[in-house]
All heavy atoms as atom14 arrays in JSON, in Angstrom:
{
  "sequence": "TKIIMATHDLAQARRLAGEIVFMHQGAMLESSAAEEFFGDPKSPQ",
  "atom14_mask": [
    [1, 1, 1, 1, 1, 1, 1, 0, 0, 0, 0, 0, 0, 0],
    [1, 1, 1, 1, 1, 1, 1, 1, 1, 0, 0, 0, 0, 0],
    [1, 1, 1, 1, 1, 1, 1, 1, 0, 0, 0, 0, 0, 0],
    [1, 1, 1, 1, 1, 1, 1, 1, 0, 0, 0, 0, 0, 0],
    [1, 1, 1, 1, 1, 1, 1, 1, 0, 0, 0, 0, 0, 0],
    [1, 1, 1, 1, 1, 0, 0, 0, 0, 0, 0, 0, 0, 0],
    [1, 1, 1, 1, 1, 1, 1, 0, 0, 0, 0, 0, 0, 0],
    [1, 1, 1, 1, 1, 1, 1, 1, 1, 1, 0, 0, 0, 0],
    [1, 1, 1, 1, 1, 1, 1, 1, 0, 0, 0, 0, 0, 0],
    [1, 1, 1, 1, 1, 1, 1, 1, 0, 0, 0, 0, 0, 0],
    [1, 1, 1, 1, 1, 0, 0, 0, 0, 0, 0, 0, 0, 0],
    [1, 1, 1, 1, 1, 1, 1, 1, 1, 0, 0, 0, 0, 0],
    [1, 1, 1, 1, 1, 0, 0, 0, 0, 0, 0, 0, 0, 0],
    [1, 1, 1, 1, 1, 1, 1, 1, 1, 1, 1, 0, 0, 0],
    [1, 1, 1, 1, 1, 1, 1, 1, 1, 1, 1, 0, 0, 0],
    [1, 1, 1, 1, 1, 1, 1, 1, 0, 0, 0, 0, 0, 0],
    [1, 1, 1, 1, 1, 0, 0, 0, 0, 0, 0, 0, 0, 0],
    [1, 1, 1, 1, 0, 0, 0, 0, 0, 0, 0, 0, 0, 0],
    [1, 1, 1, 1, 1, 1, 1, 1, 1, 0, 0, 0, 0, 0],
    [1, 1, 1, 1, 1, 1, 1, 1, 0, 0, 0, 0, 0, 0],
    [1, 1, 1, 1, 1, 1, 1, 0, 0, 0, 0, 0, 0, 0],
    [1, 1, 1, 1, 1, 1, 1, 1, 1, 1, 1, 0, 0, 0],
    [1, 1, 1, 1, 1, 1, 1, 1, 0, 0, 0, 0, 0, 0],
    [1, 1, 1, 1, 1, 1, 1, 1, 1, 1, 0, 0, 0, 0],
    [1, 1, 1, 1, 1, 1, 1, 1, 1, 0, 0, 0, 0, 0],
    [1, 1, 1, 1, 0, 0, 0, 0, 0, 0, 0, 0, 0, 0],
    [1, 1, 1, 1, 1, 0, 0, 0, 0, 0, 0, 0, 0, 0],
    [1, 1, 1, 1, 1, 1, 1, 1, 0, 0, 0, 0, 0, 0],
    [1, 1, 1, 1, 1, 1, 1, 1, 0, 0, 0, 0, 0, 0],
    [1, 1, 1, 1, 1, 1, 1, 1, 1, 0, 0, 0, 0, 0],
    [1, 1, 1, 1, 1, 1, 0, 0, 0, 0, 0, 0, 0, 0],
    [1, 1, 1, 1, 1, 1, 0, 0, 0, 0, 0, 0, 0, 0],
    [1, 1, 1, 1, 1, 0, 0, 0, 0, 0, 0, 0, 0, 0],
    [1, 1, 1, 1, 1, 0, 0, 0, 0, 0, 0, 0, 0, 0],
    [1, 1, 1, 1, 1, 1, 1, 1, 1, 0, 0, 0, 0, 0],
    [1, 1, 1, 1, 1, 1, 1, 1, 1, 0, 0, 0, 0, 0],
    [1, 1, 1, 1, 1, 1, 1, 1, 1, 1, 1, 0, 0, 0],
    [1, 1, 1, 1, 1, 1, 1, 1, 1, 1, 1, 0, 0, 0],
    [1, 1, 1, 1, 0, 0, 0, 0, 0, 0, 0, 0, 0, 0],
    [1, 1, 1, 1, 1, 1, 1, 1, 0, 0, 0, 0, 0, 0],
    [1, 1, 1, 1, 1, 1, 1, 0, 0, 0, 0, 0, 0, 0],
    [1, 1, 1, 1, 1, 1, 1, 1, 1, 0, 0, 0, 0, 0],
    [1, 1, 1, 1, 1, 1, 0, 0, 0, 0, 0, 0, 0, 0],
    [1, 1, 1, 1, 1, 1, 1, 0, 0, 0, 0, 0, 0, 0],
    [1, 1, 1, 1, 1, 1, 1, 1, 1, 0, 0, 0, 0, 0]
  ],
  "atom14_positions": [
    [[97.5, 69.1, 98.72], [96.28, 68.69, 99.4], [95.42, 69.91, 99.73], [95.92, 70.88, 100.3], [96.6, 67.94, 100.71], [97.32, 66.75, 100.39], [95.33, 67.55, 101.45], [0.0, 0.0, 0.0], [0.0, 0.0, 0.0], [0.0, 0.0, 0.0], [0.0, 0.0, 0.0], [0.0, 0.0, 0.0], [0.0, 0.0, 0.0], [0.0, 0.0, 0.0]],
    [[94.16, 69.87, 99.36], [93.22, 70.94, 99.73], [92.92, 70.83, 101.21], [92.59, 69.75, 101.71], [91.93, 70.79, 98.93], [90.77, 71.66, 99.41], [90.98, 73.12, 99.1], [89.77, 73.96, 99.52], [89.93, 75.38, 99.2], [0.0, 0.0, 0.0], [0.0, 0.0, 0.0], [0.0, 0.0, 0.0], [0.0, 0.0, 0.0], [0.0, 0.0, 0.0]],
    [[93.01, 71.95, 101.94], [92.74, 71.98, 103.37], [91.44, 72.74, 103.62], [91.28, 73.87, 103.16], [93.88, 72.66, 104.15], [95.23, 72.01, 103.85], [93.57, 72.66, 105.65], [95.36, 70.59, 104.34], [0.0, 0.0, 0.0], [0.0, 0.0, 0.0], [0.0, 0.0, 0.0], [0.0, 0.0, 0.0], [0.0, 0.0, 0.0], [0.0, 0.0, 0.0]],
    [[90.51, 72.11, 104.34], [89.31, 72.77, 104.84], [89.37, 72.65, 106.35], [89.34, 71.54, 106.89], [88.01, 72.14, 104.29], [88.01, 72.14, 102.76], [86.79, 72.88, 104.83], [86.82, 71.42, 102.14], [0.0, 0.0, 0.0], [0.0, 0.0, 0.0], [0.0, 0.0, 0.0], [0.0, 0.0, 0.0], [0.0, 0.0, 0.0], [0.0, 0.0, 0.0]],
    [[89.47, 73.77, 107.03], [89.85, 73.75, 108.44], [88.99, 74.71, 109.25], [88.65, 75.8, 108.8], [91.32, 74.17, 108.54], [91.85, 74.39, 109.94], [93.6, 74.85, 109.85], [93.85, 75.46, 111.5], [0.0, 0.0, 0.0], [0.0, 0.0, 0.0], [0.0, 0.0, 0.0], [0.0, 0.0, 0.0], [0.0, 0.0, 0.0], [0.0, 0.0, 0.0]],
    [[88.61, 74.3, 110.46], [87.86, 75.15, 111.38], [88.77, 75.66, 112.48], [89.64, 74.93, 112.96], [86.69, 74.38, 112.0], [0.0, 0.0, 0.0], [0.0, 0.0, 0.0], [0.0, 0.0, 0.0], [0.0, 0.0, 0.0], [0.0, 0.0, 0.0], [0.0, 0.0, 0.0], [0.0, 0.0, 0.0], [0.0, 0.0, 0.0], [0.0, 0.0, 0.0]],
    [[88.58, 76.92, 112.85], [89.29, 77.48, 114.0], [88.5, 78.68, 114.51], [87.69, 79.26, 113.79], [90.72, 77.91, 113.64], [91.4, 78.33, 114.82], [90.73, 79.06, 112.64], [0.0, 0.0, 0.0], [0.0, 0.0, 0.0], [0.0, 0.0, 0.0], [0.0, 0.0, 0.0], [0.0, 0.0, 0.0], [0.0, 0.0, 0.0], [0.0, 0.0, 0.0]],
    [[88.71, 79.02, 115.78], [88.2, 80.29, 116.29], [89.36, 81.22, 116.62], [89.17, 82.3, 117.16], [87.33, 80.07, 117.54], [88.09, 79.44, 118.68], [88.18, 78.08, 118.84], [88.8, 79.98, 119.7], [88.91, 77.81, 119.92], [89.3, 78.95, 120.45], [0.0, 0.0, 0.0], [0.0, 0.0, 0.0], [0.0, 0.0, 0.0], [0.0, 0.0, 0.0]],
    [[90.57, 80.79, 116.26], [91.81, 81.52, 116.55], [92.11, 82.49, 115.39], [92.51, 82.07, 114.3], [92.94, 80.51, 116.73], [94.26, 81.17, 117.14], [94.48, 82.34, 116.8], [95.06, 80.47, 117.79], [0.0, 0.0, 0.0], [0.0, 0.0, 0.0], [0.0, 0.0, 0.0], [0.0, 0.0, 0.0], [0.0, 0.0, 0.0], [0.0, 0.0, 0.0]],
    [[91.93, 83.77, 115.65], [92.13, 84.77, 114.59], [93.56, 84.77, 114.07], [93.8, 84.88, 112.86], [91.77, 86.16, 115.12], [90.29, 86.49, 115.19], [90.08, 87.81, 115.92], [89.71, 86.57, 113.79], [0.0, 0.0, 0.0], [0.0, 0.0, 0.0], [0.0, 0.0, 0.0], [0.0, 0.0, 0.0], [0.0, 0.0, 0.0], [0.0, 0.0, 0.0]],
    [[94.53, 84.69, 114.98], [95.92, 84.72, 114.55], [96.24, 83.53, 113.65], [96.94, 83.66, 112.64], [96.84, 84.74, 115.77], [0.0, 0.0, 0.0], [0.0, 0.0, 0.0], [0.0, 0.0, 0.0], [0.0, 0.0, 0.0], [0.0, 0.0, 0.0], [0.0, 0.0, 0.0], [0.0, 0.0, 0.0], [0.0, 0.0, 0.0], [0.0, 0.0, 0.0]],
    [[95.72, 82.37, 114.01], [95.95, 81.18, 113.19], [95.31, 81.34, 111.81], [95.9, 80.97, 110.79], [95.4, 79.95, 113.89], [95.66, 78.65, 113.16], [95.31, 77.45, 114.0], [94.14, 77.16, 114.21], [96.33, 76.77, 114.52], [0.0, 0.0, 0.0], [0.0, 0.0, 0.0], [0.0, 0.0, 0.0], [0.0, 0.0, 0.0], [0.0, 0.0, 0.0]],
    [[94.09, 81.86, 111.78], [93.42, 82.07, 110.51], [94.2, 83.04, 109.62], [94.34, 82.82, 108.42], [92.01, 82.6, 110.75], [0.0, 0.0, 0.0], [0.0, 0.0, 0.0], [0.0, 0.0, 0.0], [0.0, 0.0, 0.0], [0.0, 0.0, 0.0], [0.0, 0.0, 0.0], [0.0, 0.0, 0.0], [0.0, 0.0, 0.0], [0.0, 0.0, 0.0]],
    [[94.75, 84.09, 110.22], [95.56, 85.03, 109.45], [96.8, 84.36, 108.87], [97.24, 84.66, 107.76], [95.98, 86.21, 110.32], [94.84, 87.17, 110.68], [95.36, 88.27, 111.59], [94.31, 89.14, 112.08], [93.84, 90.21, 111.46], [94.34, 90.55, 110.27], [92.88, 90.94, 112.0], [0.0, 0.0, 0.0], [0.0, 0.0, 0.0], [0.0, 0.0, 0.0]],
    [[97.4, 83.46, 109.64], [98.63, 82.8, 109.19], [98.38, 81.79, 108.07], [99.22, 81.63, 107.17], [99.31, 82.08, 110.36], [99.94, 83.01, 111.38], [100.8, 82.25, 112.37], [100.05, 81.35, 113.23], [99.55, 81.65, 114.42], [99.71, 82.88, 114.91], [98.9, 80.76, 115.15], [0.0, 0.0, 0.0], [0.0, 0.0, 0.0], [0.0, 0.0, 0.0]],
    [[97.24, 81.09, 108.12], [97.05, 79.94, 107.24], [96.07, 80.16, 106.09], [96.21, 79.55, 105.04], [96.57, 78.74, 108.06], [97.55, 78.16, 109.08], [96.88, 77.03, 109.85], [98.82, 77.66, 108.41], [0.0, 0.0, 0.0], [0.0, 0.0, 0.0], [0.0, 0.0, 0.0], [0.0, 0.0, 0.0], [0.0, 0.0, 0.0], [0.0, 0.0, 0.0]],
    [[95.08, 80.99, 106.29], [93.93, 80.99, 105.37], [94.21, 81.68, 104.04], [94.86, 82.73, 103.99], [92.74, 81.66, 106.04], [0.0, 0.0, 0.0], [0.0, 0.0, 0.0], [0.0, 0.0, 0.0], [0.0, 0.0, 0.0], [0.0, 0.0, 0.0], [0.0, 0.0, 0.0], [0.0, 0.0, 0.0], [0.0, 0.0, 0.0], [0.0, 0.0, 0.0]],
    [[93.69, 81.07, 102.99], [93.58, 81.74, 101.71], [92.16, 82.23, 101.51], [91.92, 83.26, 100.88], [0.0, 0.0, 0.0], [0.0, 0.0, 0.0], [0.0, 0.0, 0.0], [0.0, 0.0, 0.0], [0.0, 0.0, 0.0], [0.0, 0.0, 0.0], [0.0, 0.0, 0.0], [0.0, 0.0, 0.0], [0.0, 0.0, 0.0], [0.0, 0.0, 0.0]],
    [[91.22, 81.47, 102.08], [89.8, 81.8, 102.01], [89.23, 81.72, 103.43], [89.56, 80.81, 104.19], [89.05, 80.81, 101.11], [87.55, 80.99, 101.12], [86.78, 79.85, 100.47], [87.2, 78.68, 100.62], [85.76, 80.12, 99.82], [0.0, 0.0, 0.0], [0.0, 0.0, 0.0], [0.0, 0.0, 0.0], [0.0, 0.0, 0.0], [0.0, 0.0, 0.0]],
    [[88.36, 82.67, 103.77], [87.66, 82.65, 105.05], [86.17, 82.42, 104.81], [85.55, 83.09, 103.97], [87.84, 83.97, 105.83], [89.3, 84.17, 106.24], [86.92, 84.0, 107.05], [89.78, 83.25, 107.34], [0.0, 0.0, 0.0], [0.0, 0.0, 0.0], [0.0, 0.0, 0.0], [0.0, 0.0, 0.0], [0.0, 0.0, 0.0], [0.0, 0.0, 0.0]],
    [[85.61, 81.48, 105.55], [84.17, 81.29, 105.61], [83.77, 81.62, 107.04], [84.15, 80.91, 107.98], [83.78, 79.84, 105.25], [82.29, 79.61, 105.48], [84.15, 79.53, 103.8], [0.0, 0.0, 0.0], [0.0, 0.0, 0.0], [0.0, 0.0, 0.0], [0.0, 0.0, 0.0], [0.0, 0.0, 0.0], [0.0, 0.0, 0.0], [0.0, 0.0, 0.0]],
    [[83.03, 82.71, 107.23], [82.68, 83.16, 108.58], [81.3, 82.66, 108.95], [80.32, 82.88, 108.23], [82.71, 84.69, 108.67], [82.31, 85.19, 110.03], [83.13, 85.0, 111.14], [81.09, 85.83, 110.22], [82.75, 85.44, 112.4], [80.7, 86.29, 111.46], [81.53, 86.09, 112.56], [0.0, 0.0, 0.0], [0.0, 0.0, 0.0], [0.0, 0.0, 0.0]],
    [[81.22, 81.98, 110.11], [79.96, 81.41, 110.59], [79.55, 82.05, 111.9], [80.38, 82.36, 112.75], [80.09, 79.9, 110.74], [80.39, 79.2, 109.44], [80.23, 77.42, 109.56], [78.47, 77.26, 109.91], [0.0, 0.0, 0.0], [0.0, 0.0, 0.0], [0.0, 0.0, 0.0], [0.0, 0.0, 0.0], [0.0, 0.0, 0.0], [0.0, 0.0, 0.0]],
    [[78.23, 82.23, 112.03], [77.68, 82.84, 113.24], [76.31, 82.22, 113.51], [75.42, 82.27, 112.66], [77.55, 84.35, 113.05], [76.99, 85.07, 114.24], [77.74, 85.34, 115.37], [75.76, 85.57, 114.47], [76.98, 85.97, 116.25], [75.77, 86.13, 115.73], [0.0, 0.0, 0.0], [0.0, 0.0, 0.0], [0.0, 0.0, 0.0], [0.0, 0.0, 0.0]],
    [[76.17, 81.61, 114.68], [74.9, 81.04, 115.13], [74.26, 80.15, 114.06], [73.09, 80.26, 113.75], [73.96, 82.15, 115.56], [74.5, 82.92, 116.78], [73.59, 84.03, 117.25], [72.72, 84.48, 116.52], [73.79, 84.46, 118.47], [0.0, 0.0, 0.0], [0.0, 0.0, 0.0], [0.0, 0.0, 0.0], [0.0, 0.0, 0.0], [0.0, 0.0, 0.0]],
    [[75.08, 79.27, 113.48], [74.58, 78.27, 112.54], [74.4, 78.75, 111.12], [73.95, 77.99, 110.26], [0.0, 0.0, 0.0], [0.0, 0.0, 0.0], [0.0, 0.0, 0.0], [0.0, 0.0, 0.0], [0.0, 0.0, 0.0], [0.0, 0.0, 0.0], [0.0, 0.0, 0.0], [0.0, 0.0, 0.0], [0.0, 0.0, 0.0], [0.0, 0.0, 0.0]],
    [[74.75, 80.0, 110.84], [74.62, 80.53, 109.49], [75.98, 80.92, 108.94], [76.88, 81.31, 109.69], [73.69, 81.75, 109.49], [0.0, 0.0, 0.0], [0.0, 0.0, 0.0], [0.0, 0.0, 0.0], [0.0, 0.0, 0.0], [0.0, 0.0, 0.0], [0.0, 0.0, 0.0], [0.0, 0.0, 0.0], [0.0, 0.0, 0.0], [0.0, 0.0, 0.0]],
    [[76.13, 80.81, 107.63], [77.34, 81.25, 106.95], [77.09, 82.68, 106.49], [76.3, 82.91, 105.57], [77.64, 80.32, 105.77], [78.92, 80.64, 105.04], [79.23, 79.5, 103.67], [79.62, 77.98, 104.56], [0.0, 0.0, 0.0], [0.0, 0.0, 0.0], [0.0, 0.0, 0.0], [0.0, 0.0, 0.0], [0.0, 0.0, 0.0], [0.0, 0.0, 0.0]],
    [[77.75, 83.64, 107.13], [77.47, 85.04, 106.85], [78.37, 85.65, 105.79], [77.98, 86.58, 105.1], [77.58, 85.87, 108.14], [76.61, 85.53, 109.27], [76.69, 86.59, 110.36], [75.17, 85.4, 108.76], [0.0, 0.0, 0.0], [0.0, 0.0, 0.0], [0.0, 0.0, 0.0], [0.0, 0.0, 0.0], [0.0, 0.0, 0.0], [0.0, 0.0, 0.0]],
    [[79.6, 85.15, 105.68], [80.53, 85.71, 104.71], [81.46, 84.62, 104.17], [81.79, 83.68, 104.89], [81.41, 86.8, 105.33], [80.66, 88.02, 105.82], [81.6, 89.16, 106.16], [82.61, 89.35, 105.45], [81.32, 89.85, 107.15], [0.0, 0.0, 0.0], [0.0, 0.0, 0.0], [0.0, 0.0, 0.0], [0.0, 0.0, 0.0], [0.0, 0.0, 0.0]],
    [[81.87, 84.79, 102.94], [82.96, 83.98, 102.38], [83.72, 84.86, 101.41], [83.14, 85.47, 100.53], [82.41, 82.73, 101.68], [81.57, 83.08, 100.6], [0.0, 0.0, 0.0], [0.0, 0.0, 0.0], [0.0, 0.0, 0.0], [0.0, 0.0, 0.0], [0.0, 0.0, 0.0], [0.0, 0.0, 0.0], [0.0, 0.0, 0.0], [0.0, 0.0, 0.0]],
    [[85.03, 84.94, 101.62], [85.85, 85.81, 100.78], [87.31, 85.44, 100.96], [87.67, 84.64, 101.83], [85.64, 87.28, 101.17], [86.04, 87.51, 102.51], [0.0, 0.0, 0.0], [0.0, 0.0, 0.0], [0.0, 0.0, 0.0], [0.0, 0.0, 0.0], [0.0, 0.0, 0.0], [0.0, 0.0, 0.0], [0.0, 0.0, 0.0], [0.0, 0.0, 0.0]],
    [[88.15, 86.03, 100.13], [89.58, 85.87, 100.31], [89.97, 86.38, 101.69], [89.38, 87.34, 102.19], [90.34, 86.63, 99.23], [0.0, 0.0, 0.0], [0.0, 0.0, 0.0], [0.0, 0.0, 0.0], [0.0, 0.0, 0.0], [0.0, 0.0, 0.0], [0.0, 0.0, 0.0], [0.0, 0.0, 0.0], [0.0, 0.0, 0.0], [0.0, 0.0, 0.0]],
    [[90.96, 85.74, 102.3], [91.33, 86.1, 103.67], [91.72, 87.57, 103.78], [91.3, 88.27, 104.72], [92.49, 85.21, 104.14], [0.0, 0.0, 0.0], [0.0, 0.0, 0.0], [0.0, 0.0, 0.0], [0.0, 0.0, 0.0], [0.0, 0.0, 0.0], [0.0, 0.0, 0.0], [0.0, 0.0, 0.0], [0.0, 0.0, 0.0], [0.0, 0.0, 0.0]],
    [[92.48, 88.06, 102.83], [92.91, 89.46, 102.87], [91.71, 90.4, 102.86], [91.66, 91.39, 103.6], [93.82, 89.75, 101.68], [94.38, 91.16, 101.67], [95.34, 91.37, 100.51], [95.69, 90.39, 99.82], [95.75, 92.53, 100.29], [0.0, 0.0, 0.0], [0.0, 0.0, 0.0], [0.0, 0.0, 0.0], [0.0, 0.0, 0.0], [0.0, 0.0, 0.0]],
    [[90.71, 90.07, 102.05], [89.51, 90.91, 101.97], [88.71, 90.83, 103.27], [88.23, 91.86, 103.78], [88.64, 90.45, 100.8], [87.34, 91.22, 100.66], [86.48, 90.7, 99.52], [87.0, 89.93, 98.68], [85.29, 91.06, 99.47], [0.0, 0.0, 0.0], [0.0, 0.0, 0.0], [0.0, 0.0, 0.0], [0.0, 0.0, 0.0], [0.0, 0.0, 0.0]],
    [[88.57, 89.64, 103.82], [87.79, 89.48, 105.05], [88.41, 90.27, 106.2], [87.72, 91.01, 106.91], [87.69, 88.0, 105.43], [86.99, 87.77, 106.75], [85.61, 87.77, 106.82], [87.73, 87.58, 107.9], [84.97, 87.58, 108.04], [87.1, 87.39, 109.13], [85.71, 87.38, 109.19], [0.0, 0.0, 0.0], [0.0, 0.0, 0.0], [0.0, 0.0, 0.0]],
    [[89.72, 90.11, 106.4], [90.36, 90.79, 107.52], [90.46, 92.3, 107.29], [90.45, 93.07, 108.25], [91.75, 90.2, 107.77], [91.71, 88.83, 108.37], [92.19, 87.73, 107.68], [91.17, 88.62, 109.63], [92.16, 86.46, 108.23], [91.12, 87.37, 110.2], [91.62, 86.28, 109.5], [0.0, 0.0, 0.0], [0.0, 0.0, 0.0], [0.0, 0.0, 0.0]],
    [[90.52, 92.72, 106.03], [90.64, 94.14, 105.75], [89.3, 94.86, 105.72], [89.23, 96.05, 106.08], [0.0, 0.0, 0.0], [0.0, 0.0, 0.0], [0.0, 0.0, 0.0], [0.0, 0.0, 0.0], [0.0, 0.0, 0.0], [0.0, 0.0, 0.0], [0.0, 0.0, 0.0], [0.0, 0.0, 0.0], [0.0, 0.0, 0.0], [0.0, 0.0, 0.0]],
    [[88.24, 94.15, 105.3], [86.95, 94.81, 105.14], [85.81, 93.82, 105.32], [85.11, 93.47, 104.36], [86.88, 95.47, 103.76], [85.61, 96.27, 103.55], [85.0, 96.7, 104.56], [85.21, 96.46, 102.37], [0.0, 0.0, 0.0], [0.0, 0.0, 0.0], [0.0, 0.0, 0.0], [0.0, 0.0, 0.0], [0.0, 0.0, 0.0], [0.0, 0.0, 0.0]],
    [[85.57, 93.34, 106.55], [84.46, 92.41, 106.77], [83.13, 93.09, 106.45], [82.95, 94.29, 106.73], [84.57, 92.07, 108.26], [85.3, 93.23, 108.86], [86.25, 93.71, 107.81], [0.0, 0.0, 0.0], [0.0, 0.0, 0.0], [0.0, 0.0, 0.0], [0.0, 0.0, 0.0], [0.0, 0.0, 0.0], [0.0, 0.0, 0.0], [0.0, 0.0, 0.0]],
    [[82.2, 92.34, 105.88], [80.96, 92.94, 105.4], [79.84, 92.93, 106.44], [78.93, 93.75, 106.38], [80.49, 92.2, 104.14], [81.48, 92.27, 102.98], [81.73, 93.71, 102.55], [82.58, 93.81, 101.3], [83.97, 93.39, 101.49], [0.0, 0.0, 0.0], [0.0, 0.0, 0.0], [0.0, 0.0, 0.0], [0.0, 0.0, 0.0], [0.0, 0.0, 0.0]],
    [[79.85, 92.0, 107.36], [78.74, 91.88, 108.31], [79.12, 92.48, 109.66], [80.29, 92.43, 110.06], [78.34, 90.41, 108.49], [79.4, 89.69, 109.11], [0.0, 0.0, 0.0], [0.0, 0.0, 0.0], [0.0, 0.0, 0.0], [0.0, 0.0, 0.0], [0.0, 0.0, 0.0], [0.0, 0.0, 0.0], [0.0, 0.0, 0.0], [0.0, 0.0, 0.0]],
    [[78.15, 93.02, 110.4], [78.45, 93.54, 111.74], [78.91, 92.44, 112.69], [79.71, 92.68, 113.59], [77.13, 94.17, 112.19], [76.08, 93.53, 111.35], [76.73, 93.23, 110.04], [0.0, 0.0, 0.0], [0.0, 0.0, 0.0], [0.0, 0.0, 0.0], [0.0, 0.0, 0.0], [0.0, 0.0, 0.0], [0.0, 0.0, 0.0], [0.0, 0.0, 0.0]],
    [[78.42, 91.21, 112.46], [78.84, 90.09, 113.31], [80.33, 89.79, 113.12], [81.05, 89.54, 114.08], [78.01, 88.84, 112.97], [76.53, 88.99, 113.28], [75.73, 89.49, 112.08], [76.26, 90.17, 111.21], [74.45, 89.12, 112.05], [0.0, 0.0, 0.0], [0.0, 0.0, 0.0], [0.0, 0.0, 0.0], [0.0, 0.0, 0.0], [0.0, 0.0, 0.0]]
  ]
}
């Protein structure tokens, strides 16, 4: 089953995510593999 899930819990996202979609103030600022997002986020937000 494909899972699309929302959370604000960083630890949970690290445990579960294969892909991260980062949202800030109604905009989607980043989307990348979880390892890439946590290792090298692209936006200051």
